[in-house]
Full PDB file with SEQRES, HELIX, SHEET, SSBOND, CRYST1, ORIGX, SCALE, CONECT and MASTER records, all heavy atoms in Angstrom:
SEQRES   1 A   32  LEU LEU TRP HIS ALA GLU HIS PRO ALA VAL CYS THR SER          
SEQRES   2 A   32  MET ARG GLY MET ILE SER ALA GLN LEU GLN VAL TYR GLY          
SEQRES   3 A   32  PRO LEU ARG ASP VAL HIS                                      
CRYST1    1.000    1.000    1.000  90.00  90.00  90.00 P 1           1          
ORIGX1      1.000000  0.000000  0.000000        0.00000                         
ORIGX2      0.000000  1.000000  0.000000        0.00000                         
ORIGX3      0.000000  0.000000  1.000000        0.00000                         
SCALE1      1.000000  0.000000  0.000000        0.00000                         
SCALE2      0.000000  1.000000  0.000000        0.00000                         
SCALE3      0.000000  0.000000  1.000000        0.00000                         
ATOM      1  N   LEU A   1      14.174   1.394 -16.083  1.00  0.00           N  
ATOM      2  CA  LEU A   1      13.372   2.567 -16.484  1.00  0.00           C  
ATOM      3  C   LEU A   1      13.977   3.336 -17.644  1.00  0.00           C  
ATOM      4  O   LEU A   1      15.182   3.277 -17.816  1.00  0.00           O  
ATOM      5  CB  LEU A   1      13.214   3.550 -15.269  1.00  0.00           C  
ATOM      6  CG  LEU A   1      12.485   3.025 -14.020  1.00  0.00           C  
ATOM      7  CD1 LEU A   1      12.561   4.060 -12.869  1.00  0.00           C  
ATOM      8  CD2 LEU A   1      11.004   2.752 -14.344  1.00  0.00           C  
ATOM      9  N   LEU A   2      13.195   4.073 -18.365  1.00  0.00           N  
ATOM     10  CA  LEU A   2      13.658   5.053 -19.314  1.00  0.00           C  
ATOM     11  C   LEU A   2      13.577   6.453 -18.638  1.00  0.00           C  
ATOM     12  O   LEU A   2      12.759   6.621 -17.691  1.00  0.00           O  
ATOM     13  CB  LEU A   2      12.719   5.147 -20.518  1.00  0.00           C  
ATOM     14  CG  LEU A   2      12.837   3.978 -21.519  1.00  0.00           C  
ATOM     15  CD1 LEU A   2      11.697   4.106 -22.546  1.00  0.00           C  
ATOM     16  CD2 LEU A   2      14.184   3.958 -22.234  1.00  0.00           C  
ATOM     17  N   TRP A   3      14.431   7.396 -19.035  1.00  0.00           N  
ATOM     18  CA  TRP A   3      14.420   8.671 -18.444  1.00  0.00           C  
ATOM     19  C   TRP A   3      13.088   9.444 -18.736  1.00  0.00           C  
ATOM     20  O   TRP A   3      12.498   9.978 -17.822  1.00  0.00           O  
ATOM     21  CB  TRP A   3      15.564   9.555 -18.911  1.00  0.00           C  
ATOM     22  CG  TRP A   3      15.473  10.951 -18.563  1.00  0.00           C  
ATOM     23  CD1 TRP A   3      15.552  12.026 -19.441  1.00  0.00           C  
ATOM     24  CD2 TRP A   3      15.248  11.482 -17.317  1.00  0.00           C  
ATOM     25  NE1 TRP A   3      15.339  13.199 -18.794  1.00  0.00           N  
ATOM     26  CE2 TRP A   3      15.169  12.962 -17.450  1.00  0.00           C  
ATOM     27  CE3 TRP A   3      15.114  10.978 -16.030  1.00  0.00           C  
ATOM     28  CZ2 TRP A   3      14.909  13.794 -16.355  1.00  0.00           C  
ATOM     29  CZ3 TRP A   3      14.863  11.860 -14.954  1.00  0.00           C  
ATOM     30  CH2 TRP A   3      14.757  13.269 -15.161  1.00  0.00           C  
ATOM     31  N   HIS A   4      12.636   9.367 -20.022  1.00  0.00           N  
ATOM     32  CA  HIS A   4      11.564  10.193 -20.364  1.00  0.00           C  
ATOM     33  C   HIS A   4      10.941   9.608 -21.625  1.00  0.00           C  
ATOM     34  O   HIS A   4      11.686   9.177 -22.546  1.00  0.00           O  
ATOM     35  CB  HIS A   4      11.946  11.634 -20.638  1.00  0.00           C  
ATOM     36  CG  HIS A   4      10.810  12.637 -20.609  1.00  0.00           C  
ATOM     37  ND1 HIS A   4       9.889  12.704 -21.609  1.00  0.00           N  
ATOM     38  CD2 HIS A   4      10.478  13.633 -19.699  1.00  0.00           C  
ATOM     39  CE1 HIS A   4       9.018  13.668 -21.346  1.00  0.00           C  
ATOM     40  NE2 HIS A   4       9.371  14.241 -20.246  1.00  0.00           N  
ATOM     41  N   ALA A   5       9.621   9.648 -21.782  1.00  0.00           N  
ATOM     42  CA  ALA A   5       8.981   9.014 -22.970  1.00  0.00           C  
ATOM     43  C   ALA A   5       9.427   9.740 -24.241  1.00  0.00           C  
ATOM     44  O   ALA A   5       9.504   9.133 -25.294  1.00  0.00           O  
ATOM     45  CB  ALA A   5       7.483   9.093 -22.813  1.00  0.00           C  
ATOM     46  N   GLU A   6       9.691  11.055 -24.113  1.00  0.00           N  
ATOM     47  CA  GLU A   6      10.043  11.857 -25.305  1.00  0.00           C  
ATOM     48  C   GLU A   6      11.512  12.074 -25.449  1.00  0.00           C  
ATOM     49  O   GLU A   6      12.027  12.637 -26.455  1.00  0.00           O  
ATOM     50  CB  GLU A   6       9.390  13.234 -25.225  1.00  0.00           C  
ATOM     51  CG  GLU A   6       7.819  13.126 -25.267  1.00  0.00           C  
ATOM     52  CD  GLU A   6       7.184  14.443 -25.155  1.00  0.00           C  
ATOM     53  OE1 GLU A   6       7.908  15.455 -25.005  1.00  0.00           O  
ATOM     54  OE2 GLU A   6       5.960  14.533 -25.155  1.00  0.00           O  
ATOM     55  N   HIS A   7      12.303  11.608 -24.462  1.00  0.00           N  
ATOM     56  CA  HIS A   7      13.793  11.735 -24.486  1.00  0.00           C  
ATOM     57  C   HIS A   7      14.401  10.398 -24.035  1.00  0.00           C  
ATOM     58  O   HIS A   7      14.895  10.305 -22.911  1.00  0.00           O  
ATOM     59  CB  HIS A   7      14.203  12.850 -23.583  1.00  0.00           C  
ATOM     60  CG  HIS A   7      13.592  14.183 -23.931  1.00  0.00           C  
ATOM     61  ND1 HIS A   7      14.042  14.943 -25.018  1.00  0.00           N  
ATOM     62  CD2 HIS A   7      12.577  14.873 -23.358  1.00  0.00           C  
ATOM     63  CE1 HIS A   7      13.314  16.023 -25.067  1.00  0.00           C  
ATOM     64  NE2 HIS A   7      12.419  16.010 -24.114  1.00  0.00           N  
ATOM     65  N   PRO A   8      14.393   9.403 -24.872  1.00  0.00           N  
ATOM     66  CA  PRO A   8      14.937   8.049 -24.499  1.00  0.00           C  
ATOM     67  C   PRO A   8      16.443   8.163 -24.227  1.00  0.00           C  
ATOM     68  O   PRO A   8      17.160   9.050 -24.803  1.00  0.00           O  
ATOM     69  CB  PRO A   8      14.618   7.206 -25.642  1.00  0.00           C  
ATOM     70  CG  PRO A   8      14.539   8.067 -26.810  1.00  0.00           C  
ATOM     71  CD  PRO A   8      13.895   9.351 -26.267  1.00  0.00           C  
ATOM     72  N   ALA A   9      16.921   7.233 -23.417  1.00  0.00           N  
ATOM     73  CA  ALA A   9      18.360   7.251 -23.122  1.00  0.00           C  
ATOM     74  C   ALA A   9      18.749   5.797 -22.838  1.00  0.00           C  
ATOM     75  O   ALA A   9      18.009   5.001 -22.304  1.00  0.00           O  
ATOM     76  CB  ALA A   9      18.679   8.114 -21.869  1.00  0.00           C  
ATOM     77  N   VAL A  10      20.006   5.478 -23.257  1.00  0.00           N  
ATOM     78  CA  VAL A  10      20.581   4.189 -23.019  1.00  0.00           C  
ATOM     79  C   VAL A  10      21.036   4.102 -21.568  1.00  0.00           C  
ATOM     80  O   VAL A  10      21.881   4.949 -21.134  1.00  0.00           O  
ATOM     81  CB  VAL A  10      21.745   3.879 -23.969  1.00  0.00           C  
ATOM     82  CG1 VAL A  10      22.309   2.467 -23.695  1.00  0.00           C  
ATOM     83  CG2 VAL A  10      21.227   3.894 -25.464  1.00  0.00           C  
ATOM     84  N   CYS A  11      20.598   3.091 -20.820  1.00  0.00           N  
ATOM     85  CA  CYS A  11      21.026   2.936 -19.420  1.00  0.00           C  
ATOM     86  C   CYS A  11      22.323   2.180 -19.426  1.00  0.00           C  
ATOM     87  O   CYS A  11      22.360   1.052 -20.039  1.00  0.00           O  
ATOM     88  CB  CYS A  11      19.940   2.187 -18.686  1.00  0.00           C  
ATOM     89  SG  CYS A  11      20.457   1.893 -16.881  1.00  0.00           S  
ATOM     90  N   THR A  12      23.361   2.725 -18.809  1.00  0.00           N  
ATOM     91  CA  THR A  12      24.675   2.038 -18.792  1.00  0.00           C  
ATOM     92  C   THR A  12      25.210   1.775 -17.385  1.00  0.00           C  
ATOM     93  O   THR A  12      26.359   1.420 -17.295  1.00  0.00           O  
ATOM     94  CB  THR A  12      25.684   2.811 -19.641  1.00  0.00           C  
ATOM     95  OG1 THR A  12      25.775   4.135 -19.046  1.00  0.00           O  
ATOM     96  CG2 THR A  12      25.282   2.977 -21.063  1.00  0.00           C  
ATOM     97  N   SER A  13      24.310   1.868 -16.377  1.00  0.00           N  
ATOM     98  CA  SER A  13      24.824   1.566 -15.000  1.00  0.00           C  
ATOM     99  C   SER A  13      23.619   1.279 -14.161  1.00  0.00           C  
ATOM    100  O   SER A  13      22.526   1.667 -14.415  1.00  0.00           O  
ATOM    101  CB  SER A  13      25.574   2.780 -14.413  1.00  0.00           C  
ATOM    102  OG  SER A  13      24.809   3.847 -14.209  1.00  0.00           O  
ATOM    103  N   MET A  14      23.882   0.475 -13.157  1.00  0.00           N  
ATOM    104  CA  MET A  14      22.885   0.121 -12.110  1.00  0.00           C  
ATOM    105  C   MET A  14      23.493   0.106 -10.729  1.00  0.00           C  
ATOM    106  O   MET A  14      24.538  -0.525 -10.572  1.00  0.00           O  
ATOM    107  CB  MET A  14      22.290  -1.295 -12.434  1.00  0.00           C  
ATOM    108  CG  MET A  14      21.301  -1.851 -11.349  1.00  0.00           C  
ATOM    109  SD  MET A  14      20.613  -3.416 -11.853  1.00  0.00           S  
ATOM    110  CE  MET A  14      19.292  -2.774 -12.841  1.00  0.00           C  
ATOM    111  N   ARG A  15      22.824   0.760  -9.798  1.00  0.00           N  
ATOM    112  CA  ARG A  15      23.355   0.681  -8.389  1.00  0.00           C  
ATOM    113  C   ARG A  15      23.085  -0.723  -7.810  1.00  0.00           C  
ATOM    114  O   ARG A  15      22.227  -1.424  -8.195  1.00  0.00           O  
ATOM    115  CB  ARG A  15      22.643   1.756  -7.537  1.00  0.00           C  
ATOM    116  CG  ARG A  15      22.958   3.142  -7.917  1.00  0.00           C  
ATOM    117  CD  ARG A  15      22.616   4.185  -6.918  1.00  0.00           C  
ATOM    118  NE  ARG A  15      21.195   4.304  -6.709  1.00  0.00           N  
ATOM    119  CZ  ARG A  15      20.569   5.300  -6.059  1.00  0.00           C  
ATOM    120  NH1 ARG A  15      21.321   6.166  -5.466  1.00  0.00           N  
ATOM    121  NH2 ARG A  15      19.316   5.430  -5.901  1.00  0.00           N  
ATOM    122  N   GLY A  16      23.946  -1.029  -6.829  1.00  0.00           N  
ATOM    123  CA  GLY A  16      23.668  -2.261  -6.085  1.00  0.00           C  
ATOM    124  C   GLY A  16      22.833  -1.985  -4.837  1.00  0.00           C  
ATOM    125  O   GLY A  16      22.416  -0.866  -4.656  1.00  0.00           O  
ATOM    126  N   MET A  17      22.548  -3.010  -4.081  1.00  0.00           N  
ATOM    127  CA  MET A  17      21.570  -2.893  -2.991  1.00  0.00           C  
ATOM    128  C   MET A  17      21.861  -3.860  -1.880  1.00  0.00           C  
ATOM    129  O   MET A  17      22.344  -4.998  -2.123  1.00  0.00           O  
ATOM    130  CB  MET A  17      20.165  -3.038  -3.478  1.00  0.00           C  
ATOM    131  CG  MET A  17      19.106  -2.742  -2.421  1.00  0.00           C  
ATOM    132  SD  MET A  17      17.444  -3.098  -2.969  1.00  0.00           S  
ATOM    133  CE  MET A  17      17.455  -4.894  -2.938  1.00  0.00           C  
ATOM    134  N   ILE A  18      21.632  -3.449  -0.674  1.00  0.00           N  
ATOM    135  CA  ILE A  18      21.592  -4.383   0.475  1.00  0.00           C  
ATOM    136  C   ILE A  18      20.538  -3.820   1.462  1.00  0.00           C  
ATOM    137  O   ILE A  18      20.335  -2.636   1.592  1.00  0.00           O  
ATOM    138  CB  ILE A  18      23.022  -4.461   1.213  1.00  0.00           C  
ATOM    139  CG1 ILE A  18      22.981  -5.521   2.260  1.00  0.00           C  
ATOM    140  CG2 ILE A  18      23.471  -3.102   1.761  1.00  0.00           C  
ATOM    141  CD1 ILE A  18      24.399  -5.884   2.729  1.00  0.00           C  
ATOM    142  N   SER A  19      19.778  -4.791   2.068  1.00  0.00           N  
ATOM    143  CA  SER A  19      18.683  -4.427   2.982  1.00  0.00           C  
ATOM    144  C   SER A  19      19.128  -4.838   4.409  1.00  0.00           C  
ATOM    145  O   SER A  19      19.835  -5.781   4.659  1.00  0.00           O  
ATOM    146  CB  SER A  19      17.416  -5.225   2.556  1.00  0.00           C  
ATOM    147  OG  SER A  19      17.020  -4.864   1.270  1.00  0.00           O  
ATOM    148  N   ALA A  20      18.512  -4.105   5.345  1.00  0.00           N  
ATOM    149  CA  ALA A  20      18.735  -4.315   6.788  1.00  0.00           C  
ATOM    150  C   ALA A  20      17.450  -4.075   7.559  1.00  0.00           C  
ATOM    151  O   ALA A  20      16.658  -3.279   7.182  1.00  0.00           O  
ATOM    152  CB  ALA A  20      19.852  -3.455   7.311  1.00  0.00           C  
ATOM    153  N   GLN A  21      17.314  -4.848   8.620  1.00  0.00           N  
ATOM    154  CA  GLN A  21      16.160  -4.709   9.548  1.00  0.00           C  
ATOM    155  C   GLN A  21      16.730  -4.494  10.953  1.00  0.00           C  
ATOM    156  O   GLN A  21      17.511  -5.310  11.418  1.00  0.00           O  
ATOM    157  CB  GLN A  21      15.326  -5.960   9.509  1.00  0.00           C  
ATOM    158  CG  GLN A  21      13.941  -5.845  10.182  1.00  0.00           C  
ATOM    159  CD  GLN A  21      12.903  -5.355   9.198  1.00  0.00           C  
ATOM    160  OE1 GLN A  21      13.067  -5.375   7.975  1.00  0.00           O  
ATOM    161  NE2 GLN A  21      11.761  -4.888   9.693  1.00  0.00           N  
ATOM    162  N   LEU A  22      16.295  -3.400  11.600  1.00  0.00           N  
ATOM    163  CA  LEU A  22      16.842  -3.099  12.924  1.00  0.00           C  
ATOM    164  C   LEU A  22      15.620  -3.076  13.919  1.00  0.00           C  
ATOM    165  O   LEU A  22      14.646  -2.329  13.737  1.00  0.00           O  
ATOM    166  CB  LEU A  22      17.483  -1.757  12.923  1.00  0.00           C  
ATOM    167  CG  LEU A  22      17.994  -1.244  14.367  1.00  0.00           C  
ATOM    168  CD1 LEU A  22      18.969  -2.209  14.994  1.00  0.00           C  
ATOM    169  CD2 LEU A  22      18.497   0.188  14.230  1.00  0.00           C  
ATOM    170  N   GLN A  23      15.730  -3.971  14.920  1.00  0.00           N  
ATOM    171  CA  GLN A  23      14.677  -4.005  15.961  1.00  0.00           C  
ATOM    172  C   GLN A  23      15.339  -3.516  17.299  1.00  0.00           C  
ATOM    173  O   GLN A  23      16.368  -3.967  17.680  1.00  0.00           O  
ATOM    174  CB  GLN A  23      14.181  -5.413  16.195  1.00  0.00           C  
ATOM    175  CG  GLN A  23      13.350  -5.947  14.990  1.00  0.00           C  
ATOM    176  CD  GLN A  23      12.834  -7.341  15.190  1.00  0.00           C  
ATOM    177  OE1 GLN A  23      13.556  -8.185  15.614  1.00  0.00           O  
ATOM    178  NE2 GLN A  23      11.615  -7.568  14.884  1.00  0.00           N  
ATOM    179  N   VAL A  24      14.682  -2.593  17.905  1.00  0.00           N  
ATOM    180  CA  VAL A  24      15.119  -1.980  19.180  1.00  0.00           C  
ATOM    181  C   VAL A  24      14.169  -2.408  20.298  1.00  0.00           C  
ATOM    182  O   VAL A  24      12.972  -2.214  20.192  1.00  0.00           O  
ATOM    183  CB  VAL A  24      15.271  -0.476  19.087  1.00  0.00           C  
ATOM    184  CG1 VAL A  24      15.728   0.095  20.409  1.00  0.00           C  
ATOM    185  CG2 VAL A  24      16.251  -0.113  17.971  1.00  0.00           C  
ATOM    186  N   TYR A  25      14.720  -2.926  21.395  1.00  0.00           N  
ATOM    187  CA  TYR A  25      13.866  -3.411  22.512  1.00  0.00           C  
ATOM    188  C   TYR A  25      14.055  -2.553  23.735  1.00  0.00           C  
ATOM    189  O   TYR A  25      15.087  -2.267  24.167  1.00  0.00           O  
ATOM    190  CB  TYR A  25      14.284  -4.882  22.877  1.00  0.00           C  
ATOM    191  CG  TYR A  25      14.199  -5.865  21.638  1.00  0.00           C  
ATOM    192  CD1 TYR A  25      15.355  -6.271  21.044  1.00  0.00           C  
ATOM    193  CD2 TYR A  25      13.009  -6.299  21.253  1.00  0.00           C  
ATOM    194  CE1 TYR A  25      15.302  -7.091  19.960  1.00  0.00           C  
ATOM    195  CE2 TYR A  25      12.931  -7.177  20.154  1.00  0.00           C  
ATOM    196  CZ  TYR A  25      14.064  -7.576  19.498  1.00  0.00           C  
ATOM    197  OH  TYR A  25      14.004  -8.371  18.441  1.00  0.00           O  
ATOM    198  N   GLY A  26      12.861  -2.061  24.250  1.00  0.00           N  
ATOM    199  CA  GLY A  26      12.852  -1.281  25.471  1.00  0.00           C  
ATOM    200  C   GLY A  26      12.307  -2.072  26.654  1.00  0.00           C  
ATOM    201  O   GLY A  26      13.027  -3.054  27.048  1.00  0.00           O  
ATOM    202  N   PRO A  27      11.147  -1.772  27.175  1.00  0.00           N  
ATOM    203  CA  PRO A  27      10.544  -2.518  28.257  1.00  0.00           C  
ATOM    204  C   PRO A  27      10.356  -4.009  27.866  1.00  0.00           C  
ATOM    205  O   PRO A  27      10.331  -4.283  26.642  1.00  0.00           O  
ATOM    206  CB  PRO A  27       9.216  -1.841  28.477  1.00  0.00           C  
ATOM    207  CG  PRO A  27       9.330  -0.442  27.992  1.00  0.00           C  
ATOM    208  CD  PRO A  27      10.288  -0.559  26.803  1.00  0.00           C  
ATOM    209  N   LEU A  28      10.248  -4.811  28.844  1.00  0.00           N  
ATOM    210  CA  LEU A  28      10.096  -6.273  28.458  1.00  0.00           C  
ATOM    211  C   LEU A  28       8.745  -6.564  27.983  1.00  0.00           C  
ATOM    212  O   LEU A  28       8.516  -7.676  27.422  1.00  0.00           O  
ATOM    213  CB  LEU A  28      10.354  -7.096  29.785  1.00  0.00           C  
ATOM    214  CG  LEU A  28      11.769  -6.912  30.358  1.00  0.00           C  
ATOM    215  CD1 LEU A  28      11.898  -7.857  31.579  1.00  0.00           C  
ATOM    216  CD2 LEU A  28      12.829  -7.246  29.352  1.00  0.00           C  
ATOM    217  N   ARG A  29       7.767  -5.684  28.125  1.00  0.00           N  
ATOM    218  CA  ARG A  29       6.437  -5.789  27.535  1.00  0.00           C  
ATOM    219  C   ARG A  29       5.953  -4.361  27.327  1.00  0.00           C  
ATOM    220  O   ARG A  29       6.504  -3.424  27.885  1.00  0.00           O  
ATOM    221  CB  ARG A  29       5.532  -6.596  28.395  1.00  0.00           C  
ATOM    222  CG  ARG A  29       5.385  -6.098  29.815  1.00  0.00           C  
ATOM    223  CD  ARG A  29       4.436  -6.888  30.673  1.00  0.00           C  
ATOM    224  NE  ARG A  29       4.336  -6.395  32.032  1.00  0.00           N  
ATOM    225  CZ  ARG A  29       3.542  -5.382  32.423  1.00  0.00           C  
ATOM    226  NH1 ARG A  29       2.829  -4.720  31.550  1.00  0.00           N  
ATOM    227  NH2 ARG A  29       3.547  -5.022  33.671  1.00  0.00           N  
ATOM    228  N   ASP A  30       4.830  -4.200  26.632  1.00  0.00           N  
ATOM    229  CA  ASP A  30       4.157  -2.869  26.555  1.00  0.00           C  
ATOM    230  C   ASP A  30       3.681  -2.507  27.923  1.00  0.00           C  
ATOM    231  O   ASP A  30       3.021  -3.290  28.631  1.00  0.00           O  
ATOM    232  CB  ASP A  30       2.949  -2.935  25.652  1.00  0.00           C  
ATOM    233  CG  ASP A  30       3.362  -3.105  24.166  1.00  0.00           C  
ATOM    234  OD1 ASP A  30       4.549  -3.094  23.882  1.00  0.00           O  
ATOM    235  OD2 ASP A  30       2.499  -3.276  23.315  1.00  0.00           O  
ATOM    236  N   VAL A  31       4.086  -1.315  28.484  1.00  0.00           N  
ATOM    237  CA  VAL A  31       3.806  -0.916  29.801  1.00  0.00           C  
ATOM    238  C   VAL A  31       2.988   0.394  29.822  1.00  0.00           C  
ATOM    239  O   VAL A  31       3.365   1.345  29.048  1.00  0.00           O  
ATOM    240  CB  VAL A  31       5.105  -0.746  30.593  1.00  0.00           C  
ATOM    241  CG1 VAL A  31       4.788  -0.416  32.082  1.00  0.00           C  
ATOM    242  CG2 VAL A  31       5.973  -2.015  30.549  1.00  0.00           C  
ATOM    243  N   HIS A  32       1.931   0.417  30.598  1.00  0.00           N  
ATOM    244  CA  HIS A  32       1.123   1.619  30.756  1.00  0.00           C  
ATOM    245  C   HIS A  32       1.962   2.857  30.992  1.00  0.00           C  
ATOM    246  O   HIS A  32       2.776   2.886  31.905  1.00  0.00           O  
ATOM    247  CB  HIS A  32       0.097   1.433  31.921  1.00  0.00           C  
ATOM    248  CG  HIS A  32      -0.734   2.600  32.194  1.00  0.00           C  
ATOM    249  ND1 HIS A  32      -1.161   3.497  31.229  1.00  0.00           N  
ATOM    250  CD2 HIS A  32      -1.169   3.046  33.447  1.00  0.00           C  
ATOM    251  CE1 HIS A  32      -1.929   4.386  31.830  1.00  0.00           C  
ATOM    252  NE2 HIS A  32      -1.936   4.186  33.151  1.00  0.00           N  
TER     253      HIS A  32                                                      
MASTER        0    0    0    0    0    0    0    6  252    1    0    3          
END                                                                             
């Protein structure tokens, strides 16, 4: 991305990334 259409800027860094998926299990099935 650019910062602003009227105020361009040179990008000199990029963050890294890692993704995670957490599943939590309660009852053994959906229960009334």
